[in-house]
Amino acid sequence: MPNLMSQFPSPPEEQVSLANWRMAPFSEWAFHHVREIVVSADVPNNPNDVWQLEEDRAEFSTLTIEGKSLAQVCDETKNDGLVILHKGKLVHESYGHGMDAVTPHILMSVSKSVLGLLGGILVNKGLLDTEALLTDYIPELEETAWKGATVREALDMRVGILFDEDYLITEGAIIDYRKATNWNPLEPGDVATDLRSFFLTLTDRDGPHSGKFHYVSPNTDLLAWVYERASGQRYADLLSNLLWRPMGAERSAYFTVDRFGAPRAAGGVCVTTRDLARLGQLVVQGGSRDGQEIIPKSWIDDITLNGDPEAWQQGEFAELYPDLDAHYRSKCYVLRGEEPLIFGLGIHGQNVFADPVNDIVIAKHSCQALPIDDPANDLTMKMVEAVRNFLKARG
């Protein structure tokens, strides 16, 4: 449907709305026009201090992935933006579906990794204690399933809370969650709610804290509230002042908010593909830019080395990466080994991969129709491995 939102007004069948924005084909337009659909908060960059990306374009025409070219892989995985950096230089950049280098695109759950990295900065400043109870910051949670859980357990998705993260179901807590975050329209008879009130409805446990990896998006939105309480600052200001500006982002970011301004930190962050690559490069560089530490290197080392692979294997995501030695730490995925790969993963094909050993970053935005498309995910991982090998050989 190439004519989405192209007329004034567009006919009903071509209009993108709150009711259809995450559905194909409407998502092809919506994923890089999110703030026109959902209320958002700005995360300003510093236009006077942009991290300039030197170019050293590589010729990827000889690269094949499962017999396919890089362009074919991009087409099959519904690529909106792909930026590849090697040794801090821009070696590849391509866009689709109306995207370009200056267009912010939704990160979905890569937003969680952004929050995880920001957490390391707050810890380093003495504003956040990962071993503190969540209720130390938010006493209102005393009657919820988060009682007794620590900040660390929420960062690592090891809270024993009953929540079904099934993106295709049409009823239940996840639908209430979407309505509370402004991501779904209210239905007839619904009473307007909000994110912080929604947290108080999650009272049932499904196991002990600090057990298996259990993916629950509200854990991350809750941590944004913890960050705000711990620091006395809005999440937007924390993200801008502590990460986005110091990193040298080329463009302002933004994220969706509920009707009272609570951040959708688990999935609503929108950034350009280049700035997503800059964030990956910051991880590759141990958290520093131009010799100035932004994210503590000790935090990135902790992400790389200190996750629990047993908790990962017991969790529901291990099947996405069968036979791989992996863990999850501070909202980041890690493929372990001599050349570890640190990455963020979001539904509908959002990714950022950081390879510190080989100084490689791959940032990818997509508009895949399914929230979790196993063949597309598998092809993306094979593309990443092929690109890593290609660039290592290129030197």
Protein backbone atom coordinates (compact mmCIF):
# COMPACT_ATOMS: atom_id res chain seq x y z
CA MET A 1 0.00 0.00 0.00
CA PRO A 2 2.40 2.73 -1.24
CA ASN A 3 0.06 5.71 -0.80
CA LEU A 4 -0.36 5.64 2.97
CA MET A 5 -1.08 9.10 4.38
CA SER A 6 -0.24 10.72 1.03
CA GLN A 7 -3.51 12.63 0.49
CA PHE A 8 -5.15 15.43 2.48
CA PRO A 9 -7.00 13.66 3.92
CA SER A 10 -6.20 10.16 2.73
CA PRO A 11 -9.13 7.79 2.19
CA PRO A 12 -9.95 5.60 5.20
CA GLU A 13 -8.18 2.54 3.80
CA GLU A 14 -4.91 4.50 3.55
CA GLN A 15 -5.07 6.23 6.93
CA VAL A 16 -2.75 5.24 9.76
CA SER A 17 -4.33 5.45 13.21
CA LEU A 18 -3.85 4.37 16.80
CA ALA A 19 -5.93 1.30 15.96
CA ASN A 20 -3.72 0.01 13.12
CA TRP A 21 -0.26 1.60 13.48
CA ARG A 22 1.53 -1.62 14.48
CA MET A 23 -0.11 -3.69 11.74
CA ALA A 24 1.27 -4.22 8.24
CA PRO A 25 1.17 -2.42 5.88
CA PHE A 26 0.37 0.62 8.03
CA SER A 27 3.50 0.07 10.11
CA GLU A 28 5.68 0.84 7.07
CA TRP A 29 4.67 4.48 7.54
CA ALA A 30 3.89 4.50 11.24
CA PHE A 31 7.20 3.18 12.59
CA HIS A 32 8.97 6.36 11.49
CA HIS A 33 6.05 8.71 12.21
CA VAL A 34 5.23 7.51 15.73
CA ARG A 35 4.94 10.95 17.33
CA GLU A 36 2.13 11.76 14.88
CA ILE A 37 0.13 8.90 16.37
CA VAL A 38 1.11 8.63 20.05
CA VAL A 39 1.87 11.46 22.48
CA SER A 40 5.63 11.76 22.98
CA ALA A 41 8.38 13.45 24.99
CA ASP A 42 11.47 14.92 23.31
CA VAL A 43 15.04 13.85 24.13
CA PRO A 44 17.18 16.74 22.82
CA ASN A 45 20.63 16.25 21.37
CA ASN A 46 23.36 18.91 21.34
CA PRO A 47 23.60 20.15 17.72
CA ASN A 48 26.88 21.89 18.56
CA ASP A 49 28.56 18.63 19.60
CA VAL A 50 27.71 15.93 17.06
CA TRP A 51 29.79 12.77 16.82
CA GLN A 52 30.87 12.97 13.19
CA LEU A 53 31.03 9.60 11.45
CA GLU A 54 33.94 9.38 9.04
CA GLU A 55 33.07 7.36 5.96
CA ASP A 56 34.99 4.37 4.61
CA ARG A 57 32.42 2.67 2.41
CA ALA A 58 32.90 -1.04 1.90
CA GLU A 59 31.92 -2.94 -1.22
CA PHE A 60 29.46 -5.56 0.02
CA SER A 61 28.49 -6.83 -3.43
CA THR A 62 30.58 -9.98 -2.93
CA LEU A 63 28.97 -10.78 0.42
CA THR A 64 26.40 -13.59 0.41
CA ILE A 65 24.14 -14.77 3.20
CA GLU A 66 22.46 -18.12 2.58
CA GLY A 67 23.03 -17.49 -1.13
CA LYS A 68 21.46 -14.03 -0.91
CA SER A 69 23.00 -10.59 -1.33
CA LEU A 70 22.92 -8.03 1.47
CA ALA A 71 20.27 -6.11 -0.50
CA GLN A 72 18.12 -9.23 -0.78
CA VAL A 73 18.41 -9.87 2.94
CA CYS A 74 17.36 -6.29 3.61
CA ASP A 75 14.36 -6.76 1.35
CA GLU A 76 13.34 -10.06 2.94
CA THR A 77 13.65 -8.68 6.48
CA LYS A 78 11.67 -5.50 5.63
CA ASN A 79 14.62 -3.21 6.26
CA ASP A 80 13.85 0.44 7.01
CA GLY A 81 17.39 1.43 7.93
CA LEU A 82 20.75 -0.36 8.07
CA VAL A 83 23.95 1.29 9.27
CA ILE A 84 27.21 -0.63 9.66
CA LEU A 85 30.29 0.80 11.35
CA HIS A 86 33.79 -0.68 11.36
CA LYS A 87 36.54 0.83 13.47
CA GLY A 88 34.21 3.76 14.09
CA LYS A 89 33.77 4.51 10.39
CA LEU A 90 30.61 4.29 8.31
CA VAL A 91 31.05 1.39 5.89
CA HIS A 92 27.43 0.85 4.82
CA GLU A 93 24.12 2.70 4.97
CA SER A 94 20.83 1.87 3.28
CA TYR A 95 17.17 2.76 3.81
CA GLY A 96 13.71 1.72 2.69
CA HIS A 97 9.98 2.45 3.05
CA GLY A 98 10.43 6.22 3.15
CA MET A 99 13.18 6.27 5.78
CA ASP A 100 16.38 8.31 5.50
CA ALA A 101 19.41 9.21 7.60
CA VAL A 102 17.61 11.86 9.65
CA THR A 103 14.34 10.03 10.34
CA PRO A 104 13.69 8.72 13.86
CA HIS A 105 12.30 5.18 13.90
CA ILE A 106 10.81 3.26 16.79
CA LEU A 107 13.18 0.90 18.61
CA MET A 108 10.51 -1.27 20.21
CA SER A 109 12.37 -3.30 22.85
CA VAL A 110 15.81 -2.03 21.93
CA SER A 111 14.45 0.81 24.09
CA LYS A 112 15.09 -1.52 27.03
CA SER A 113 18.79 -1.67 26.22
CA VAL A 114 18.88 2.14 26.19
CA LEU A 115 17.42 2.13 29.71
CA GLY A 116 19.91 -0.52 30.79
CA LEU A 117 22.89 1.54 29.63
CA LEU A 118 21.48 4.65 31.27
CA GLY A 119 21.23 2.69 34.51
CA GLY A 120 24.99 2.25 34.61
CA ILE A 121 25.45 6.01 34.50
CA LEU A 122 23.03 6.50 37.40
CA VAL A 123 24.79 3.81 39.45
CA ASN A 124 28.16 5.44 38.79
CA LYS A 125 26.79 8.78 40.00
CA GLY A 126 25.57 7.21 43.22
CA LEU A 127 21.94 7.84 42.36
CA LEU A 128 20.84 4.23 41.93
CA ASP A 129 21.52 1.08 43.95
CA THR A 130 20.99 -2.11 41.98
CA GLU A 131 20.70 -4.21 45.16
CA ALA A 132 17.95 -2.00 46.63
CA LEU A 133 14.38 -3.21 46.59
CA LEU A 134 12.07 -1.69 44.03
CA THR A 135 9.79 -0.76 46.92
CA ASP A 136 12.60 1.31 48.45
CA TYR A 137 12.07 3.73 45.56
CA ILE A 138 8.37 3.13 44.97
CA PRO A 139 6.58 2.16 48.19
CA GLU A 140 3.32 2.06 46.23
CA LEU A 141 4.42 -1.36 44.93
CA GLU A 142 4.16 -2.99 48.36
CA GLU A 143 0.97 -4.88 47.44
CA THR A 144 2.13 -5.96 43.98
CA ALA A 145 4.10 -8.90 42.62
CA TRP A 146 7.21 -6.69 42.60
CA LYS A 147 7.37 -6.80 46.40
CA GLY A 148 10.72 -8.27 47.44
CA ALA A 149 12.31 -7.82 44.01
CA THR A 150 15.48 -5.78 43.55
CA VAL A 151 16.48 -3.28 40.91
CA ARG A 152 19.03 -5.84 39.65
CA GLU A 153 16.35 -8.51 39.23
CA ALA A 154 14.21 -6.09 37.22
CA LEU A 155 17.22 -5.11 35.08
CA ASP A 156 17.93 -8.76 34.32
CA MET A 157 14.28 -9.81 33.77
CA ARG A 158 14.35 -12.17 36.74
CA VAL A 159 11.26 -10.97 38.57
CA GLY A 160 8.71 -13.68 39.39
CA ILE A 161 5.66 -11.84 38.10
CA LEU A 162 2.68 -13.31 36.28
CA PHE A 163 2.45 -11.60 32.88
CA ASP A 164 1.94 -13.17 29.47
CA GLU A 165 4.07 -11.33 26.88
CA ASP A 166 2.13 -12.70 23.91
CA TYR A 167 1.97 -9.99 21.26
CA LEU A 168 -0.80 -11.66 19.27
CA ILE A 169 -3.44 -12.24 21.94
CA THR A 170 -6.43 -9.89 21.97
CA GLU A 171 -7.35 -9.82 25.65
CA GLY A 172 -5.75 -9.93 29.06
CA ALA A 173 -3.17 -7.88 30.93
CA ILE A 174 -1.07 -7.09 27.86
CA ILE A 175 -4.06 -5.35 26.24
CA ASP A 176 -4.68 -3.38 29.42
CA TYR A 177 -0.99 -2.50 29.38
CA ARG A 178 -1.16 -1.18 25.82
CA LYS A 179 -4.19 0.92 26.61
CA ALA A 180 -2.47 2.30 29.70
CA THR A 181 0.54 3.36 27.61
CA ASN A 182 -1.54 5.05 24.87
CA TRP A 183 -0.57 2.38 22.34
CA ASN A 184 -4.10 1.03 21.86
CA PRO A 185 -7.32 3.02 21.59
CA LEU A 186 -9.89 2.70 24.32
CA GLU A 187 -12.92 0.60 23.51
CA PRO A 188 -16.54 1.55 24.27
CA GLY A 189 -17.04 1.50 28.01
CA ASP A 190 -13.32 1.65 28.85
CA VAL A 191 -12.18 4.08 31.51
CA ALA A 192 -8.97 5.93 30.70
CA THR A 193 -6.05 4.55 32.67
CA ASP A 194 -2.31 5.20 32.91
CA LEU A 195 0.93 3.29 33.22
CA ARG A 196 1.63 3.84 36.92
CA SER A 197 -1.88 2.80 37.89
CA PHE A 198 -1.52 -0.28 35.69
CA PHE A 199 1.55 -1.39 37.67
CA LEU A 200 -0.58 -1.65 40.79
CA THR A 201 -2.84 -4.23 39.12
CA LEU A 202 -0.06 -6.79 38.69
CA THR A 203 -0.33 -8.63 41.99
CA ASP A 204 0.18 -12.29 41.05
CA ARG A 205 3.49 -14.13 41.09
CA ASP A 206 4.51 -17.01 38.84
CA GLY A 207 7.69 -18.01 40.63
CA PRO A 208 10.52 -16.73 42.82
CA HIS A 209 12.49 -13.60 42.15
CA SER A 210 16.05 -14.18 40.88
CA GLY A 211 14.95 -17.34 39.12
CA LYS A 212 14.73 -17.92 35.37
CA PHE A 213 14.88 -15.23 32.69
CA HIS A 214 11.26 -14.12 32.37
CA TYR A 215 10.59 -11.42 29.79
CA VAL A 216 8.09 -8.87 31.12
CA SER A 217 8.07 -5.48 29.44
CA PRO A 218 6.42 -3.63 32.36
CA ASN A 219 9.60 -4.33 34.39
CA THR A 220 11.38 -1.81 32.19
CA ASP A 221 8.71 0.88 32.31
CA LEU A 222 8.73 0.45 36.08
CA LEU A 223 12.50 0.98 36.16
CA ALA A 224 12.06 4.30 34.37
CA TRP A 225 9.84 5.32 37.28
CA VAL A 226 12.55 4.08 39.68
CA TYR A 227 15.14 6.18 37.84
CA GLU A 228 12.92 9.25 38.17
CA ARG A 229 12.34 8.68 41.88
CA ALA A 230 16.03 7.96 42.51
CA SER A 231 17.26 11.06 40.68
CA GLY A 232 14.39 13.51 41.09
CA GLN A 233 14.44 14.10 37.33
CA ARG A 234 12.24 13.23 34.37
CA TYR A 235 13.32 10.23 32.34
CA ALA A 236 13.51 12.43 29.24
CA ASP A 237 15.94 14.79 30.97
CA LEU A 238 18.06 11.94 32.32
CA LEU A 239 18.31 10.34 28.90
CA SER A 240 19.13 13.63 27.19
CA ASN A 241 21.60 15.05 29.72
CA LEU A 242 23.42 11.86 30.69
CA LEU A 243 23.51 9.93 27.41
CA TRP A 244 22.08 11.53 24.29
CA ARG A 245 23.92 14.87 24.46
CA PRO A 246 27.26 13.52 25.75
CA MET A 247 27.19 10.75 23.13
CA GLY A 248 27.03 13.33 20.34
CA ALA A 249 23.73 12.20 18.84
CA GLU A 250 23.09 13.80 15.46
CA ARG A 251 19.35 14.19 16.04
CA SER A 252 17.01 14.46 18.98
CA ALA A 253 15.31 11.26 20.04
CA TYR A 254 11.83 10.95 21.51
CA PHE A 255 9.69 8.36 23.26
CA THR A 256 5.99 7.76 23.71
CA VAL A 257 4.29 8.60 27.00
CA ASP A 258 1.00 7.82 28.70
CA ARG A 259 -1.68 10.42 29.35
CA PHE A 260 0.19 11.69 32.42
CA GLY A 261 3.61 11.72 30.77
CA ALA A 262 4.98 8.44 32.15
CA PRO A 263 7.63 7.09 29.74
CA ARG A 264 7.12 3.98 27.63
CA ALA A 265 10.75 3.06 28.30
CA ALA A 266 10.22 -0.56 27.36
CA GLY A 267 9.44 0.04 23.71
CA GLY A 268 8.62 3.61 22.76
CA VAL A 269 12.02 5.19 22.11
CA CYS A 270 12.51 6.52 18.56
CA VAL A 271 15.95 7.37 17.11
CA THR A 272 17.68 7.58 13.75
CA THR A 273 19.54 4.51 12.55
CA ARG A 274 22.79 6.49 12.59
CA ASP A 275 22.29 7.46 16.22
CA LEU A 276 21.46 3.87 17.09
CA ALA A 277 24.79 2.93 15.52
CA ARG A 278 26.52 5.66 17.54
CA LEU A 279 25.10 4.10 20.70
CA GLY A 280 26.48 0.74 19.61
CA GLN A 281 29.85 2.33 18.92
CA LEU A 282 29.84 3.82 22.40
CA VAL A 283 29.46 0.29 23.79
CA VAL A 284 32.26 -0.94 21.52
CA GLN A 285 34.49 1.83 22.89
CA GLY A 286 33.89 0.81 26.47
CA GLY A 287 31.46 3.63 27.12
CA SER A 288 33.83 6.49 26.21
CA ARG A 289 33.85 9.07 23.46
CA ASP A 290 36.96 11.12 22.74
CA GLY A 291 38.48 9.95 26.01
CA GLN A 292 35.47 11.06 28.06
CA GLU A 293 33.66 8.30 29.94
CA ILE A 294 29.88 8.42 29.42
CA ILE A 295 28.82 4.90 30.36
CA PRO A 296 31.17 3.33 32.94
CA LYS A 297 33.38 0.69 31.37
CA SER A 298 32.79 -1.43 34.46
CA TRP A 299 29.06 -1.47 33.63
CA ILE A 300 29.68 -2.62 30.07
CA ASP A 301 32.14 -5.24 31.34
CA ASP A 302 29.47 -6.41 33.78
CA ILE A 303 26.95 -6.72 30.94
CA THR A 304 29.46 -8.73 28.92
CA LEU A 305 30.66 -11.07 31.64
CA ASN A 306 28.20 -11.35 34.51
CA GLY A 307 24.89 -12.53 33.14
CA ASP A 308 23.55 -15.93 34.17
CA PRO A 309 23.52 -18.40 31.26
CA GLU A 310 21.57 -20.94 33.32
CA ALA A 311 18.77 -18.43 33.94
CA TRP A 312 18.78 -17.73 30.19
CA GLN A 313 18.51 -21.41 29.28
CA GLN A 314 15.55 -21.81 31.63
CA GLY A 315 13.78 -18.82 30.08
CA GLU A 316 11.43 -18.55 27.14
CA PHE A 317 13.81 -16.83 24.72
CA ALA A 318 16.53 -19.48 24.57
CA GLU A 319 14.68 -21.14 21.70
CA LEU A 320 15.29 -18.03 19.55
CA TYR A 321 19.01 -18.73 19.70
CA PRO A 322 19.32 -22.53 19.93
CA ASP A 323 22.72 -24.03 20.68
CA LEU A 324 24.19 -20.60 21.44
CA ASP A 325 25.89 -19.69 24.70
CA ALA A 326 23.96 -16.58 25.74
CA HIS A 327 22.83 -14.51 28.70
CA TYR A 328 20.80 -11.39 29.45
CA ARG A 329 22.18 -8.61 31.64
CA SER A 330 20.98 -5.06 32.29
CA LYS A 331 18.50 -5.19 29.40
CA CYS A 332 21.14 -6.38 26.91
CA TYR A 333 21.54 -9.74 25.21
CA VAL A 334 25.03 -11.23 25.01
CA LEU A 335 26.32 -14.06 22.86
CA ARG A 336 29.23 -15.25 24.96
CA GLY A 337 32.68 -16.35 23.83
CA GLU A 338 36.07 -15.01 22.81
CA GLU A 339 34.38 -12.47 20.53
CA PRO A 340 31.20 -11.62 22.48
CA LEU A 341 28.32 -9.91 20.75
CA ILE A 342 26.28 -7.44 22.83
CA PHE A 343 22.93 -6.56 21.32
CA GLY A 344 19.46 -5.14 21.69
CA LEU A 345 16.44 -6.82 20.16
CA GLY A 346 12.99 -5.41 19.42
CA ILE A 347 9.86 -6.81 17.85
CA HIS A 348 9.15 -6.26 14.16
CA GLY A 349 12.90 -6.44 13.43
CA GLN A 350 14.71 -3.77 15.48
CA ASN A 351 18.34 -4.52 16.32
CA VAL A 352 21.68 -3.09 17.35
CA PHE A 353 24.75 -5.33 17.55
CA ALA A 354 28.08 -4.34 19.13
CA ASP A 355 31.23 -6.43 18.64
CA PRO A 356 33.91 -4.81 20.84
CA VAL A 357 36.71 -7.23 19.90
CA ASN A 358 36.45 -6.50 16.18
CA ASP A 359 35.11 -2.93 16.50
CA ILE A 360 31.95 -3.63 14.49
CA VAL A 361 28.47 -2.16 14.95
CA ILE A 362 25.34 -3.11 13.03
CA ALA A 363 22.17 -1.03 13.58
CA LYS A 364 18.95 -2.13 11.90
CA HIS A 365 15.40 -0.79 11.83
CA SER A 366 12.64 -2.82 10.18
CA CYS A 367 8.89 -3.05 9.70
CA GLN A 368 8.35 -6.80 9.72
CA ALA A 369 4.68 -7.72 9.78
CA LEU A 370 4.96 -10.23 12.64
CA PRO A 371 6.15 -9.14 16.08
CA ILE A 372 8.47 -12.15 16.19
CA ASP A 373 9.32 -13.55 12.78
CA ASP A 374 11.59 -16.55 13.36
CA PRO A 375 12.82 -16.89 9.74
CA ALA A 376 13.56 -13.14 9.53
CA ASN A 377 15.29 -13.22 12.91
CA ASP A 378 17.38 -16.19 11.84
CA LEU A 379 18.31 -14.51 8.55
CA THR A 380 19.27 -11.32 10.39
CA MET A 381 21.57 -13.23 12.75
CA LYS A 382 23.20 -14.96 9.79
CA MET A 383 23.63 -11.57 8.12
CA VAL A 384 25.32 -10.25 11.24
CA GLU A 385 27.74 -13.16 11.36
CA ALA A 386 28.51 -12.84 7.65
CA VAL A 387 29.14 -9.09 7.98
CA ARG A 388 31.42 -9.66 10.98
CA ASN A 389 33.46 -12.22 9.06
CA PHE A 390 33.58 -10.00 5.97
CA LEU A 391 34.83 -6.99 7.89
CA LYS A 392 37.35 -9.01 9.89
CA ALA A 393 38.79 -10.29 6.61
CA ARG A 394 38.76 -6.78 5.14
CA GLY A 395 40.92 -5.57 8.03
